[in-house]
């Protein structure tokens, strides 16, 4: 989450998914306001994950589409353009997940 905040991602939340789904233990969601910011956040998250021994398993989406998913196995990071995040409403879809932290 610090990696996202360092690149000025906004409305960052972490959801504990362990009791909800087998997809991942945690979802991290954040907003990015531009294609360069999407790229900066993605690259910085990768750098920080690699530095602590993690590695990305999969990527979905493109910055130009307004959504990028970074899958690290136990943690999945969703980077959204704010209007698309509101449209897909993952927080509402996974409303039974425990909110771990919310950084505005």
Protein backbone atom coordinates (compact mmCIF):
# COMPACT_ATOMS: atom_id res chain seq x y z
CA UNK A 1 0.00 0.00 0.00
CA UNK A 2 2.90 2.33 0.68
CA UNK A 3 4.12 1.76 -2.88
CA UNK A 4 0.77 3.01 -4.18
CA UNK A 5 0.71 6.03 -1.89
CA UNK A 6 4.27 6.93 -2.88
CA UNK A 7 3.08 7.29 -6.49
CA UNK A 8 0.06 9.33 -5.34
CA UNK A 9 -2.57 6.65 -5.89
CA UNK A 10 -5.75 7.65 -4.08
CA UNK A 11 -8.65 6.07 -2.17
CA UNK A 12 -6.52 3.04 -1.29
CA UNK A 13 -8.24 0.18 0.52
CA UNK A 14 -7.19 -3.29 1.58
CA UNK A 15 -9.85 -5.97 1.97
CA UNK A 16 -9.27 -9.22 3.88
CA UNK A 17 -10.68 -11.85 1.53
CA UNK A 18 -9.59 -14.95 3.47
CA UNK A 19 -13.07 -15.87 4.70
CA UNK A 20 -14.80 -14.82 1.46
CA UNK A 21 -13.02 -16.41 -1.49
CA UNK A 22 -10.13 -18.65 -2.49
CA UNK A 23 -9.00 -16.12 -5.14
CA UNK A 24 -6.62 -14.28 -2.82
CA UNK A 25 -6.10 -13.45 0.84
CA UNK A 26 -6.16 -9.70 0.22
CA UNK A 27 -7.46 -7.31 -2.42
CA UNK A 28 -5.93 -3.86 -2.63
CA UNK A 29 -7.89 -1.29 -4.60
CA UNK A 30 -6.79 2.21 -5.57
CA UNK A 31 -7.44 5.01 -8.02
CA UNK A 32 -5.08 6.40 -10.65
CA UNK A 33 -5.89 9.52 -12.63
CA UNK A 34 -3.78 9.11 -15.76
CA UNK A 35 -2.00 6.54 -17.92
CA UNK A 36 1.43 7.64 -16.64
CA UNK A 37 0.20 7.27 -13.05
CA UNK A 38 -1.14 3.75 -13.77
CA UNK A 39 2.28 2.81 -15.11
CA UNK A 40 4.15 4.44 -12.22
CA UNK A 41 2.00 2.66 -9.62
CA UNK A 42 2.28 -0.72 -11.39
CA UNK A 43 6.04 -0.49 -11.74
CA UNK A 44 6.56 0.69 -8.18
CA UNK A 45 4.35 -2.04 -6.72
CA UNK A 46 6.36 -4.59 -8.73
CA UNK A 47 9.66 -3.16 -7.50
CA UNK A 48 8.55 -3.22 -3.87
CA UNK A 49 7.09 -6.74 -4.15
CA UNK A 50 10.31 -8.03 -5.73
CA UNK A 51 12.39 -6.37 -3.02
CA UNK A 52 10.59 -8.45 -0.36
CA UNK A 53 10.76 -11.71 -2.31
CA UNK A 54 7.41 -11.62 -4.08
CA UNK A 55 6.79 -11.80 -7.76
CA UNK A 56 3.88 -11.01 -9.99
CA UNK A 57 2.06 -14.03 -11.37
CA UNK A 58 -0.24 -12.29 -13.82
CA UNK A 59 -1.39 -8.93 -15.17
CA UNK A 60 -4.80 -8.10 -16.62
CA UNK A 61 -5.94 -4.90 -18.29
CA UNK A 62 -4.10 -1.90 -19.66
CA UNK A 63 -3.67 1.61 -18.27
CA UNK A 64 -5.55 2.96 -21.30
CA UNK A 65 -8.57 0.78 -20.40
CA UNK A 66 -8.94 2.37 -16.95
CA UNK A 67 -8.21 -0.85 -15.03
CA UNK A 68 -5.10 -2.90 -14.29
CA UNK A 69 -4.96 -6.00 -12.09
CA UNK A 70 -1.66 -7.19 -10.62
CA UNK A 71 -1.83 -10.73 -9.23
CA UNK A 72 0.79 -11.70 -6.64
CA UNK A 73 -0.98 -14.87 -5.51
CA UNK A 74 -2.08 -14.05 -1.98
CA UNK A 75 -2.48 -10.36 -2.83
CA UNK A 76 -4.29 -8.93 -5.85
CA UNK A 77 -3.94 -5.22 -6.62
CA UNK A 78 -6.66 -3.45 -8.63
CA UNK A 79 -5.77 -0.04 -10.06
CA UNK A 80 -8.81 1.83 -11.38
CA UNK A 81 -9.74 5.04 -13.08
CA UNK A 82 -12.22 6.50 -10.53
CA UNK A 83 -15.35 6.33 -12.74
CA UNK A 84 -14.63 2.70 -13.67
CA UNK A 85 -14.04 1.81 -10.03
CA UNK A 86 -17.43 3.26 -9.13
CA UNK A 87 -19.04 1.35 -12.02
CA UNK A 88 -17.59 -2.05 -11.07
CA UNK A 89 -18.01 -1.38 -7.34
CA UNK A 90 -15.78 -4.19 -6.08
CA UNK A 91 -16.18 -2.86 -2.54
CA UNK A 92 -19.93 -3.48 -2.85
CA UNK A 93 -19.50 -6.84 -4.57
CA UNK A 94 -17.18 -8.03 -1.79
CA UNK A 95 -19.01 -6.18 1.01
CA UNK A 96 -18.64 -9.11 3.41
CA UNK A 97 -14.85 -8.76 3.32
CA UNK A 98 -13.27 -7.12 6.34
CA UNK A 99 -11.80 -3.69 5.63
CA UNK A 100 -8.19 -3.79 6.83
CA UNK A 101 -7.23 -0.21 6.04
CA UNK A 102 -8.51 2.77 4.04
CA UNK A 103 -6.15 5.56 3.01
CA UNK A 104 -7.85 8.50 1.37
